[in-house]
Amino acid sequence: GQIYRFWGTALTAIHGGDFTGFSPVDVPTKRFGESAQIGYARLVMERVPNLEVKEFTGPDNVVGRELILRLPLTDDGEIVSHGLAVCYYEISDPYSPLHDFFNKILQPIMSDED
């Protein structure tokens, strides 16, 4: 089954605990856990990177936004045996426009093109 091999300090602060060694479905809230499990299942089936951008409400009604890039890893070049997730989380004002979140993330990339 799927388990988190590493759970960072920012995730601990957002979700209220260290879930290293746990399955995605063990992470509160239930909706977050189910969404993560679906994202990893998609990674295994499609065998290509996937990107998700979401708004969330965590335990203690923390409101935020997240960007998750999942990358497939393989031992044999065929079957996805592991996945690497790179996440960016931001606790936000629930009334701030979503485009502010994208501008913050994309600004460093866009400024490099000049």
PDB file of N, CA and C in Angstrom:
ATOM      1  N   GLY A   1       0.805  -1.193   0.000  1.00  0.00           N
ATOM      2  CA  GLY A   1       0.000   0.000   0.000  1.00  0.00           C
ATOM      3  C   GLY A   1       0.848   1.256   0.000  1.00  0.00           C
ATOM      4  N   GLN A   2       0.169   2.333  -0.086  1.00  0.00           N
ATOM      5  CA  GLN A   2       0.828   3.633  -0.133  1.00  0.00           C
ATOM      6  C   GLN A   2       1.117   4.123   1.280  1.00  0.00           C
ATOM      7  N   ILE A   3       2.343   4.603   1.516  1.00  0.00           N
ATOM      8  CA  ILE A   3       2.672   5.263   2.777  1.00  0.00           C
ATOM      9  C   ILE A   3       3.578   6.450   2.487  1.00  0.00           C
ATOM     10  N   TYR A   4       3.510   7.427   3.369  1.00  0.00           N
ATOM     11  CA  TYR A   4       4.406   8.577   3.259  1.00  0.00           C
ATOM     12  C   TYR A   4       5.755   8.199   3.862  1.00  0.00           C
ATOM     13  N   ARG A   5       6.823   8.334   3.073  1.00  0.00           N
ATOM     14  CA  ARG A   5       8.170   8.051   3.557  1.00  0.00           C
ATOM     15  C   ARG A   5       8.753   9.248   4.298  1.00  0.00           C
ATOM     16  N   PHE A   6       8.283  10.439   3.958  1.00  0.00           N
ATOM     17  CA  PHE A   6       8.741  11.655   4.625  1.00  0.00           C
ATOM     18  C   PHE A   6       7.587  12.634   4.699  1.00  0.00           C
ATOM     19  N   TRP A   7       7.411  13.232   5.839  1.00  0.00           N
ATOM     20  CA  TRP A   7       6.342  14.201   6.077  1.00  0.00           C
ATOM     21  C   TRP A   7       7.008  15.430   6.672  1.00  0.00           C
ATOM     22  N   GLY A   8       7.003  16.543   5.964  1.00  0.00           N
ATOM     23  CA  GLY A   8       7.730  17.733   6.382  1.00  0.00           C
ATOM     24  C   GLY A   8       7.086  18.520   7.508  1.00  0.00           C
ATOM     25  N   THR A   9       7.849  19.446   8.053  1.00  0.00           N
ATOM     26  CA  THR A   9       7.380  20.252   9.180  1.00  0.00           C
ATOM     27  C   THR A   9       6.214  21.164   8.807  1.00  0.00           C
ATOM     28  N   ALA A  10       6.191  21.674   7.579  1.00  0.00           N
ATOM     29  CA  ALA A  10       5.066  22.525   7.164  1.00  0.00           C
ATOM     30  C   ALA A  10       3.779  21.704   7.110  1.00  0.00           C
ATOM     31  N   LEU A  11       3.871  20.471   6.615  1.00  0.00           N
ATOM     32  CA  LEU A  11       2.693  19.607   6.588  1.00  0.00           C
ATOM     33  C   LEU A  11       2.235  19.265   8.005  1.00  0.00           C
ATOM     34  N   THR A  12       3.177  19.069   8.905  1.00  0.00           N
ATOM     35  CA  THR A  12       2.831  18.795  10.302  1.00  0.00           C
ATOM     36  C   THR A  12       2.054  19.958  10.892  1.00  0.00           C
ATOM     37  N   ALA A  13       2.497  21.176  10.613  1.00  0.00           N
ATOM     38  CA  ALA A  13       1.805  22.361  11.131  1.00  0.00           C
ATOM     39  C   ALA A  13       0.400  22.482  10.543  1.00  0.00           C
ATOM     40  N   ILE A  14       0.258  22.210   9.271  1.00  0.00           N
ATOM     41  CA  ILE A  14      -1.040  22.359   8.604  1.00  0.00           C
ATOM     42  C   ILE A  14      -2.016  21.263   9.032  1.00  0.00           C
ATOM     43  N   HIS A  15      -1.528  20.018   9.126  1.00  0.00           N
ATOM     44  CA  HIS A  15      -2.424  18.881   9.375  1.00  0.00           C
ATOM     45  C   HIS A  15      -2.436  18.411  10.825  1.00  0.00           C
ATOM     46  N   GLY A  16      -1.647  19.044  11.676  1.00  0.00           N
ATOM     47  CA  GLY A  16      -1.711  18.749  13.099  1.00  0.00           C
ATOM     48  C   GLY A  16      -1.028  17.480  13.551  1.00  0.00           C
ATOM     49  N   GLY A  17      -0.086  16.967  12.773  1.00  0.00           N
ATOM     50  CA  GLY A  17       0.632  15.769  13.182  1.00  0.00           C
ATOM     51  C   GLY A  17       1.622  15.327  12.129  1.00  0.00           C
ATOM     52  N   ASP A  18       2.573  14.485  12.547  1.00  0.00           N
ATOM     53  CA  ASP A  18       3.565  13.919  11.638  1.00  0.00           C
ATOM     54  C   ASP A  18       3.011  12.590  11.119  1.00  0.00           C
ATOM     55  N   PHE A  19       2.789  12.508   9.822  1.00  0.00           N
ATOM     56  CA  PHE A  19       2.186  11.317   9.234  1.00  0.00           C
ATOM     57  C   PHE A  19       3.196  10.488   8.437  1.00  0.00           C
ATOM     58  N   THR A  20       4.479  10.615   8.766  1.00  0.00           N
ATOM     59  CA  THR A  20       5.489   9.746   8.178  1.00  0.00           C
ATOM     60  C   THR A  20       5.125   8.303   8.520  1.00  0.00           C
ATOM     61  N   GLY A  21       5.118   7.429   7.514  1.00  0.00           N
ATOM     62  CA  GLY A  21       4.789   6.024   7.731  1.00  0.00           C
ATOM     63  C   GLY A  21       3.301   5.712   7.668  1.00  0.00           C
ATOM     64  N   PHE A  22       2.480   6.731   7.476  1.00  0.00           N
ATOM     65  CA  PHE A  22       1.034   6.530   7.394  1.00  0.00           C
ATOM     66  C   PHE A  22       0.571   6.549   5.938  1.00  0.00           C
ATOM     67  N   SER A  23      -0.594   5.998   5.721  1.00  0.00           N
ATOM     68  CA  SER A  23      -1.246   6.034   4.416  1.00  0.00           C
ATOM     69  C   SER A  23      -1.911   7.393   4.221  1.00  0.00           C
ATOM     70  N   PRO A  24      -2.066   7.840   2.979  1.00  0.00           N
ATOM     71  CA  PRO A  24      -2.788   9.098   2.736  1.00  0.00           C
ATOM     72  C   PRO A  24      -4.182   9.129   3.358  1.00  0.00           C
ATOM     73  N   VAL A  25      -4.863   7.997   3.412  1.00  0.00           N
ATOM     74  CA  VAL A  25      -6.217   7.995   3.976  1.00  0.00           C
ATOM     75  C   VAL A  25      -6.230   8.206   5.483  1.00  0.00           C
ATOM     76  N   ASP A  26      -5.072   8.117   6.138  1.00  0.00           N
ATOM     77  CA  ASP A  26      -4.986   8.350   7.580  1.00  0.00           C
ATOM     78  C   ASP A  26      -4.836   9.829   7.933  1.00  0.00           C
ATOM     79  N   VAL A  27      -4.622  10.656   6.931  1.00  0.00           N
ATOM     80  CA  VAL A  27      -4.367  12.079   7.168  1.00  0.00           C
ATOM     81  C   VAL A  27      -5.694  12.830   7.245  1.00  0.00           C
ATOM     82  N   PRO A  28      -5.876  13.630   8.313  1.00  0.00           N
ATOM     83  CA  PRO A  28      -7.092  14.446   8.360  1.00  0.00           C
ATOM     84  C   PRO A  28      -6.982  15.578   7.347  1.00  0.00           C
ATOM     85  N   THR A  29      -7.935  16.048   6.820  1.00  0.00           N
ATOM     86  CA  THR A  29      -9.325  15.625   6.891  1.00  0.00           C
ATOM     87  C   THR A  29      -9.535  14.437   5.962  1.00  0.00           C
ATOM     88  N   LYS A  30     -10.656  13.777   6.119  1.00  0.00           N
ATOM     89  CA  LYS A  30     -10.940  12.609   5.274  1.00  0.00           C
ATOM     90  C   LYS A  30     -10.872  12.985   3.793  1.00  0.00           C
ATOM     91  N   ARG A  31     -11.382  14.161   3.468  1.00  0.00           N
ATOM     92  CA  ARG A  31     -11.380  14.617   2.071  1.00  0.00           C
ATOM     93  C   ARG A  31      -9.945  14.750   1.553  1.00  0.00           C
ATOM     94  N   PHE A  32      -9.040  15.298   2.380  1.00  0.00           N
ATOM     95  CA  PHE A  32      -7.635  15.424   1.972  1.00  0.00           C
ATOM     96  C   PHE A  32      -7.038  14.046   1.714  1.00  0.00           C
ATOM     97  N   GLY A  33      -7.249  13.120   2.640  1.00  0.00           N
ATOM     98  CA  GLY A  33      -6.693  11.781   2.500  1.00  0.00           C
ATOM     99  C   GLY A  33      -7.190  11.061   1.265  1.00  0.00           C
ATOM    100  N   GLU A  34      -8.486  11.156   1.014  1.00  0.00           N
ATOM    101  CA  GLU A  34      -9.045  10.519  -0.176  1.00  0.00           C
ATOM    102  C   GLU A  34      -8.511  11.149  -1.451  1.00  0.00           C
ATOM    103  N   SER A  35      -8.373  12.464  -1.457  1.00  0.00           N
ATOM    104  CA  SER A  35      -7.855  13.162  -2.632  1.00  0.00           C
ATOM    105  C   SER A  35      -6.405  12.756  -2.908  1.00  0.00           C
ATOM    106  N   ALA A  36      -5.599  12.665  -1.854  1.00  0.00           N
ATOM    107  CA  ALA A  36      -4.201  12.246  -2.016  1.00  0.00           C
ATOM    108  C   ALA A  36      -4.124  10.816  -2.544  1.00  0.00           C
ATOM    109  N   GLN A  37      -4.951   9.946  -2.015  1.00  0.00           N
ATOM    110  CA  GLN A  37      -4.943   8.553  -2.473  1.00  0.00           C
ATOM    111  C   GLN A  37      -5.313   8.469  -3.953  1.00  0.00           C
ATOM    112  N   ILE A  38      -6.287   9.247  -4.380  1.00  0.00           N
ATOM    113  CA  ILE A  38      -6.674   9.272  -5.792  1.00  0.00           C
ATOM    114  C   ILE A  38      -5.532   9.803  -6.651  1.00  0.00           C
ATOM    115  N   GLY A  39      -4.853  10.850  -6.177  1.00  0.00           N
ATOM    116  CA  GLY A  39      -3.723  11.410  -6.925  1.00  0.00           C
ATOM    117  C   GLY A  39      -2.602  10.409  -7.112  1.00  0.00           C
ATOM    118  N   TYR A  40      -2.296   9.640  -6.063  1.00  0.00           N
ATOM    119  CA  TYR A  40      -1.241   8.632  -6.187  1.00  0.00           C
ATOM    120  C   TYR A  40      -1.685   7.466  -7.063  1.00  0.00           C
ATOM    121  N   ALA A  41      -2.942   7.077  -6.965  1.00  0.00           N
ATOM    122  CA  ALA A  41      -3.450   5.994  -7.829  1.00  0.00           C
ATOM    123  C   ALA A  41      -3.362   6.414  -9.294  1.00  0.00           C
ATOM    124  N   ARG A  42      -3.698   7.667  -9.548  1.00  0.00           N
ATOM    125  CA  ARG A  42      -3.594   8.189 -10.922  1.00  0.00           C
ATOM    126  C   ARG A  42      -2.146   8.147 -11.405  1.00  0.00           C
ATOM    127  N   LEU A  43      -1.206   8.486 -10.528  1.00  0.00           N
ATOM    128  CA  LEU A  43       0.211   8.463 -10.874  1.00  0.00           C
ATOM    129  C   LEU A  43       0.647   7.055 -11.284  1.00  0.00           C
ATOM    130  N   VAL A  44       0.209   6.056 -10.536  1.00  0.00           N
ATOM    131  CA  VAL A  44       0.573   4.669 -10.822  1.00  0.00           C
ATOM    132  C   VAL A  44      -0.057   4.199 -12.135  1.00  0.00           C
ATOM    133  N   MET A  45      -1.317   4.538 -12.353  1.00  0.00           N
ATOM    134  CA  MET A  45      -2.009   4.077 -13.564  1.00  0.00           C
ATOM    135  C   MET A  45      -1.506   4.783 -14.822  1.00  0.00           C
ATOM    136  N   GLU A  46      -1.345   6.107 -14.759  1.00  0.00           N
ATOM    137  CA  GLU A  46      -0.988   6.869 -15.961  1.00  0.00           C
ATOM    138  C   GLU A  46       0.515   6.904 -16.222  1.00  0.00           C
ATOM    139  N   ARG A  47       1.317   6.683 -15.189  1.00  0.00           N
ATOM    140  CA  ARG A  47       2.790   6.652 -15.280  1.00  0.00           C
ATOM    141  C   ARG A  47       3.390   7.936 -15.849  1.00  0.00           C
ATOM    142  N   VAL A  48       2.745   9.060 -15.590  1.00  0.00           N
ATOM    143  CA  VAL A  48       3.251  10.373 -15.999  1.00  0.00           C
ATOM    144  C   VAL A  48       3.070  11.337 -14.826  1.00  0.00           C
ATOM    145  N   PRO A  49       3.881  12.394 -14.773  1.00  0.00           N
ATOM    146  CA  PRO A  49       3.701  13.380 -13.700  1.00  0.00           C
ATOM    147  C   PRO A  49       2.292  13.982 -13.733  1.00  0.00           C
ATOM    148  N   ASN A  50       1.800  14.370 -12.557  1.00  0.00           N
ATOM    149  CA  ASN A  50       0.539  15.104 -12.520  1.00  0.00           C
ATOM    150  C   ASN A  50       0.660  16.281 -11.559  1.00  0.00           C
ATOM    151  N   LEU A  51      -0.125  17.292 -11.831  1.00  0.00           N
ATOM    152  CA  LEU A  51      -0.098  18.536 -11.063  1.00  0.00           C
ATOM    153  C   LEU A  51      -1.511  18.867 -10.621  1.00  0.00           C
ATOM    154  N   GLU A  52      -1.651  19.200  -9.346  1.00  0.00           N
ATOM    155  CA  GLU A  52      -2.948  19.607  -8.810  1.00  0.00           C
ATOM    156  C   GLU A  52      -2.799  20.944  -8.106  1.00  0.00           C
ATOM    157  N   VAL A  53      -3.789  21.795  -8.263  1.00  0.00           N
ATOM    158  CA  VAL A  53      -3.876  23.049  -7.529  1.00  0.00           C
ATOM    159  C   VAL A  53      -5.231  23.044  -6.856  1.00  0.00           C
ATOM    160  N   LYS A  54      -5.234  23.240  -5.534  1.00  0.00           N
ATOM    161  CA  LYS A  54      -6.485  23.119  -4.781  1.00  0.00           C
ATOM    162  C   LYS A  54      -6.552  24.166  -3.679  1.00  0.00           C
ATOM    163  N   GLU A  55      -7.759  24.418  -3.267  1.00  0.00           N
ATOM    164  CA  GLU A  55      -7.997  25.150  -2.032  1.00  0.00           C
ATOM    165  C   GLU A  55      -8.438  24.112  -1.013  1.00  0.00           C
ATOM    166  N   PHE A  56      -8.077  24.316   0.252  1.00  0.00           N
ATOM    167  CA  PHE A  56      -8.418  23.326   1.264  1.00  0.00           C
ATOM    168  C   PHE A  56      -8.777  23.995   2.581  1.00  0.00           C
ATOM    169  N   THR A  57      -9.497  23.249   3.377  1.00  0.00           N
ATOM    170  CA  THR A  57      -9.737  23.606   4.770  1.00  0.00           C
ATOM    171  C   THR A  57      -9.236  22.437   5.590  1.00  0.00           C
ATOM    172  N   GLY A  58      -8.255  22.694   6.426  1.00  0.00           N
ATOM    173  CA  GLY A  58      -7.651  21.635   7.210  1.00  0.00           C
ATOM    174  C   GLY A  58      -8.261  21.543   8.591  1.00  0.00           C
ATOM    175  N   PRO A  59      -7.663  20.699   9.437  1.00  0.00           N
ATOM    176  CA  PRO A  59      -8.115  20.631  10.823  1.00  0.00           C
ATOM    177  C   PRO A  59      -8.016  22.027  11.444  1.00  0.00           C
ATOM    178  N   ASP A  60      -8.801  22.300  12.412  1.00  0.00           N
ATOM    179  CA  ASP A  60      -8.853  23.614  13.063  1.00  0.00           C
ATOM    180  C   ASP A  60      -9.295  24.705  12.096  1.00  0.00           C
ATOM    181  N   ASN A  61      -9.949  24.302  11.000  1.00  0.00           N
ATOM    182  CA  ASN A  61     -10.478  25.234   9.996  1.00  0.00           C
ATOM    183  C   ASN A  61      -9.425  26.149   9.379  1.00  0.00           C
ATOM    184  N   VAL A  62      -8.195  25.645   9.274  1.00  0.00           N
ATOM    185  CA  VAL A  62      -7.139  26.375   8.573  1.00  0.00           C
ATOM    186  C   VAL A  62      -7.506  26.396   7.095  1.00  0.00           C
ATOM    187  N   VAL A  63      -7.493  27.576   6.486  1.00  0.00           N
ATOM    188  CA  VAL A  63      -7.825  27.714   5.070  1.00  0.00           C
ATOM    189  C   VAL A  63      -6.541  27.969   4.299  1.00  0.00           C
ATOM    190  N   GLY A  64      -6.370  27.277   3.201  1.00  0.00           N
ATOM    191  CA  GLY A  64      -5.163  27.471   2.426  1.00  0.00           C
ATOM    192  C   GLY A  64      -5.304  26.999   0.995  1.00  0.00           C
ATOM    193  N   ARG A  65      -4.187  27.100   0.325  1.00  0.00           N
ATOM    194  CA  ARG A  65      -4.099  26.649  -1.064  1.00  0.00           C
ATOM    195  C   ARG A  65      -2.875  25.764  -1.191  1.00  0.00           C
ATOM    196  N   GLU A  66      -2.944  24.837  -2.132  1.00  0.00           N
ATOM    197  CA  GLU A  66      -1.829  23.915  -2.308  1.00  0.00           C
ATOM    198  C   GLU A  66      -1.589  23.636  -3.782  1.00  0.00           C
ATOM    199  N   LEU A  67      -0.334  23.445  -4.085  1.00  0.00           N
ATOM    200  CA  LEU A  67       0.093  23.019  -5.409  1.00  0.00           C
ATOM    201  C   LEU A  67       0.880  21.743  -5.180  1.00  0.00           C
ATOM    202  N   ILE A  68       0.488  20.661  -5.842  1.00  0.00           N
ATOM    203  CA  ILE A  68       1.143  19.362  -5.652  1.00  0.00           C
ATOM    204  C   ILE A  68       1.598  18.835  -7.008  1.00  0.00           C
ATOM    205  N   LEU A  69       2.892  18.623  -7.134  1.00  0.00           N
ATOM    206  CA  LEU A  69       3.469  17.990  -8.321  1.00  0.00           C
ATOM    207  C   LEU A  69       3.875  16.587  -7.906  1.00  0.00           C
ATOM    208  N   ARG A  70       3.277  15.583  -8.542  1.00  0.00           N
ATOM    209  CA  ARG A  70       3.618  14.193  -8.251  1.00  0.00           C
ATOM    210  C   ARG A  70       4.408  13.626  -9.422  1.00  0.00           C
ATOM    211  N   LEU A  71       5.535  12.989  -9.100  1.00  0.00           N
ATOM    212  CA  LEU A  71       6.424  12.423 -10.111  1.00  0.00           C
ATOM    213  C   LEU A  71       6.523  10.914  -9.925  1.00  0.00           C
ATOM    214  N   PRO A  72       6.363  10.141 -11.012  1.00  0.00           N
ATOM    215  CA  PRO A  72       6.472   8.679 -10.898  1.00  0.00           C
ATOM    216  C   PRO A  72       7.940   8.246 -10.856  1.00  0.00           C
ATOM    217  N   LEU A  73       8.224   7.257 -10.031  1.00  0.00           N
ATOM    218  CA  LEU A  73       9.557   6.659  -9.951  1.00  0.00           C
ATOM    219  C   LEU A  73       9.400   5.158 -10.185  1.00  0.00           C
ATOM    220  N   THR A  74      10.413   4.566 -10.817  1.00  0.00           N
ATOM    221  CA  THR A  74      10.321   3.147 -11.152  1.00  0.00           C
ATOM    222  C   THR A  74      11.651   2.448 -10.894  1.00  0.00           C
ATOM    223  N   ASP A  75      11.554   1.191 -10.528  1.00  0.00           N
ATOM    224  CA  ASP A  75      12.749   0.361 -10.354  1.00  0.00           C
ATOM    225  C   ASP A  75      13.121  -0.363 -11.639  1.00  0.00           C
ATOM    226  N   ASP A  76      12.130  -0.596 -12.515  1.00  0.00           N
ATOM    227  CA  ASP A  76      12.372  -1.406 -13.700  1.00  0.00           C
ATOM    228  C   ASP A  76      12.086  -0.691 -15.019  1.00  0.00           C
ATOM    229  N   GLY A  77      11.745   0.586 -14.978  1.00  0.00           N
ATOM    230  CA  GLY A  77      11.456   1.334 -16.195  1.00  0.00           C
ATOM    231  C   GLY A  77      10.048   1.152 -16.721  1.00  0.00           C
ATOM    232  N   GLU A  78       9.252   0.331 -16.068  1.00  0.00           N
ATOM    233  CA  GLU A  78       7.880   0.051 -16.525  1.00  0.00           C
ATOM    234  C   GLU A  78       6.838   0.347 -15.453  1.00  0.00           C
ATOM    235  N   ILE A  79       6.986  -0.279 -14.303  1.00  0.00           N
ATOM    236  CA  ILE A  79       5.986  -0.194 -13.239  1.00  0.00           C
ATOM    237  C   ILE A  79       6.374   0.925 -12.272  1.00  0.00           C
ATOM    238  N   VAL A  80       5.414   1.779 -11.945  1.00  0.00           N
ATOM    239  CA  VAL A  80       5.656   2.829 -10.961  1.00  0.00           C
ATOM    240  C   VAL A  80       5.702   2.175  -9.582  1.00  0.00           C
ATOM    241  N   SER A  81       6.884   2.196  -8.976  1.00  0.00           N
ATOM    242  CA  SER A  81       7.057   1.559  -7.672  1.00  0.00           C
ATOM    243  C   SER A  81       7.049   2.570  -6.531  1.00  0.00           C
ATOM    244  N   HIS A  82       7.290   3.832  -6.850  1.00  0.00           N
ATOM    245  CA  HIS A  82       7.303   4.900  -5.858  1.00  0.00           C
ATOM    246  C   HIS A  82       6.822   6.187  -6.527  1.00  0.00           C
ATOM    247  N   GLY A  83       6.449   7.142  -5.703  1.00  0.00           N
ATOM    248  CA  GLY A  83       6.086   8.454  -6.217  1.00  0.00           C
ATOM    249  C   GLY A  83       6.721   9.526  -5.352  1.00  0.00           C
ATOM    250  N   LEU A  84       7.102  10.608  -5.972  1.00  0.00           N
ATOM    251  CA  LEU A  84       7.667  11.745  -5.254  1.00  0.00           C
ATOM    252  C   LEU A  84       6.694  12.906  -5.404  1.00  0.00           C
ATOM    253  N   ALA A  85       6.256  13.447  -4.287  1.00  0.00           N
ATOM    254  CA  ALA A  85       5.346  14.596  -4.319  1.00  0.00           C
ATOM    255  C   ALA A  85       6.105  15.825  -3.833  1.00  0.00           C
ATOM    256  N   VAL A  86       6.046  16.873  -4.626  1.00  0.00           N
ATOM    257  CA  VAL A  86       6.611  18.164  -4.246  1.00  0.00           C
ATOM    258  C   VAL A  86       5.420  19.085  -4.029  1.00  0.00           C
ATOM    259  N   CYS A  87       5.323  19.646  -2.829  1.00  0.00           N
ATOM    260  CA  CYS A  87       4.133  20.414  -2.460  1.00  0.00           C
ATOM    261  C   CYS A  87       4.505  21.842  -2.071  1.00  0.00           C
ATOM    262  N   TYR A  88       3.628  22.744  -2.424  1.00  0.00           N
ATOM    263  CA  TYR A  88       3.723  24.120  -1.951  1.00  0.00           C
ATOM    264  C   TYR A  88       2.386  24.445  -1.302  1.00  0.00           C
ATOM    265  N   TYR A  89       2.432  24.808  -0.034  1.00  0.00           N
ATOM    266  CA  TYR A  89       1.223  25.141   0.707  1.00  0.00           C
ATOM    267  C   TYR A  89       1.290  26.601   1.120  1.00  0.00           C
ATOM    268  N   GLU A  90       0.135  27.214   1.145  1.00  0.00           N
ATOM    269  CA  GLU A  90       0.047  28.591   1.605  1.00  0.00           C
ATOM    270  C   GLU A  90      -1.234  28.725   2.422  1.00  0.00           C
ATOM    271  N   ILE A  91      -1.073  29.155   3.659  1.00  0.00           N
ATOM    272  CA  ILE A  91      -2.247  29.491   4.463  1.00  0.00           C
ATOM    273  C   ILE A  91      -2.669  30.864   3.976  1.00  0.00           C
ATOM    274  N   SER A  92      -3.945  31.015   3.657  1.00  0.00           N
ATOM    275  CA  SER A  92      -4.352  32.232   2.962  1.00  0.00           C
ATOM    276  C   SER A  92      -5.612  32.845   3.543  1.00  0.00           C
ATOM    277  N   ASP A  93      -5.804  34.063   3.146  1.00  0.00           N
ATOM    278  CA  ASP A  93      -7.060  34.750   3.395  1.00  0.00           C
ATOM    279  C   ASP A  93      -8.079  34.099   2.461  1.00  0.00           C
ATOM    280  N   PRO A  94      -9.162  33.543   3.000  1.00  0.00           N
ATOM    281  CA  PRO A  94     -10.108  32.836   2.129  1.00  0.00           C
ATOM    282  C   PRO A  94     -10.762  33.737   1.082  1.00  0.00           C
ATOM    283  N   TYR A  95     -10.618  35.045   1.244  1.00  0.00           N
ATOM    284  CA  TYR A  95     -11.230  35.966   0.290  1.00  0.00           C
ATOM    285  C   TYR A  95     -10.237  36.503  -0.731  1.00  0.00           C
ATOM    286  N   SER A  96      -8.967  36.094  -0.629  1.00  0.00           N
ATOM    287  CA  SER A  96      -7.992  36.568  -1.618  1.00  0.00           C
ATOM    288  C   SER A  96      -8.211  35.828  -2.932  1.00  0.00           C
ATOM    289  N   PRO A  97      -8.079  36.531  -4.054  1.00  0.00           N
ATOM    290  CA  PRO A  97      -8.321  35.891  -5.354  1.00  0.00           C
ATOM    291  C   PRO A  97      -7.302  34.789  -5.634  1.00  0.00           C
ATOM    292  N   LEU A  98      -7.759  33.735  -6.281  1.00  0.00           N
ATOM    293  CA  LEU A  98      -6.879  32.616  -6.620  1.00  0.00           C
ATOM    294  C   LEU A  98      -5.737  33.070  -7.524  1.00  0.00           C
ATOM    295  N   HIS A  99      -5.971  34.078  -8.373  1.00  0.00           N
ATOM    296  CA  HIS A  99      -4.895  34.516  -9.266  1.00  0.00           C
ATOM    297  C   HIS A  99      -3.721  35.092  -8.481  1.00  0.00           C
ATOM    298  N   ASP A 100      -3.924  35.589  -7.253  1.00  0.00           N
ATOM    299  CA  ASP A 100      -2.806  36.046  -6.428  1.00  0.00           C
ATOM    300  C   ASP A 100      -1.884  34.883  -6.082  1.00  0.00           C
ATOM    301  N   PHE A 101      -2.477  33.723  -5.813  1.00  0.00           N
ATOM    302  CA  PHE A 101      -1.704  32.516  -5.519  1.00  0.00           C
ATOM    303  C   PHE A 101      -0.852  32.120  -6.722  1.00  0.00           C
ATOM    304  N   PHE A 102      -1.465  32.104  -7.916  1.00  0.00           N
ATOM    305  CA  PHE A 102      -0.719  31.763  -9.126  1.00  0.00           C
ATOM    306  C   PHE A 102       0.377  32.780  -9.420  1.00  0.00           C
ATOM    307  N   ASN A 103       0.087  34.045  -9.241  1.00  0.00           N
ATOM    308  CA  ASN A 103       1.103  35.074  -9.476  1.00  0.00           C
ATOM    309  C   ASN A 103       2.303  34.879  -8.557  1.00  0.00           C
ATOM    310  N   LYS A 104       2.054  34.542  -7.303  1.00  0.00           N
ATOM    311  CA  LYS A 104       3.147  34.328  -6.347  1.00  0.00           C
ATOM    312  C   LYS A 104       4.017  33.144  -6.771  1.00  0.00           C
ATOM    313  N   ILE A 105       3.377  32.075  -7.227  1.00  0.00           N
ATOM    314  CA  ILE A 105       4.122  30.878  -7.631  1.00  0.00           C
ATOM    315  C   ILE A 105       4.864  31.103  -8.943  1.00  0.00           C
ATOM    316  N   LEU A 106       4.210  31.732  -9.894  1.00  0.00           N
ATOM    317  CA  LEU A 106       4.774  31.859 -11.242  1.00  0.00           C
ATOM    318  C   LEU A 106       5.708  33.049 -11.408  1.00  0.00           C
ATOM    319  N   GLN A 107       5.653  34.022 -10.521  1.00  0.00           N
ATOM    320  CA  GLN A 107       6.483  35.215 -10.670  1.00  0.00           C
ATOM    321  C   GLN A 107       7.977  34.905 -10.819  1.00  0.00           C
ATOM    322  N   PRO A 108       8.557  34.043  -9.979  1.00  0.00           N
ATOM    323  CA  PRO A 108       9.989  33.731 -10.161  1.00  0.00           C
ATOM    324  C   PRO A 108      10.302  33.108 -11.516  1.00  0.00           C
ATOM    325  N   ILE A 109       9.399  32.293 -12.027  1.00  0.00           N
ATOM    326  CA  ILE A 109       9.605  31.659 -13.340  1.00  0.00           C
ATOM    327  C   ILE A 109       9.501  32.695 -14.444  1.00  0.00           C
ATOM    328  N   MET A 110       8.479  33.532 -14.354  1.00  0.00           N
ATOM    329  CA  MET A 110       8.255  34.536 -15.377  1.00  0.00           C
ATOM    330  C   MET A 110       9.377  35.579 -15.412  1.00  0.00           C
ATOM    331  N   SER A 111       9.913  35.930 -14.260  1.00  0.00           N
ATOM    332  CA  SER A 111      10.975  36.942 -14.230  1.00  0.00           C
ATOM    333  C   SER A 111      12.274  36.407 -14.816  1.00  0.00           C
ATOM    334  N   ASP A 112      12.477  35.078 -14.791  1.00  0.00           N
ATOM    335  CA  ASP A 112      13.676  34.480 -15.385  1.00  0.00           C
ATOM    336  C   ASP A 112      13.651  34.548 -16.908  1.00  0.00           C
ATOM    337  N   GLU A 113      12.481  34.692 -17.500  1.00  0.00           N
ATOM    338  CA  GLU A 113      12.370  34.724 -18.967  1.00  0.00           C
ATOM    339  C   GLU A 113      12.798  36.047 -19.559  1.00  0.00           C
ATOM    340  N   ASP A 114      12.869  37.087 -18.734  1.00  0.00           N
ATOM    341  CA  ASP A 114      13.245  38.416 -19.239  1.00  0.00           C
ATOM    342  C   ASP A 114      14.721  38.513 -19.562  1.00  0.00           C
TER     343      ASP A 114
END
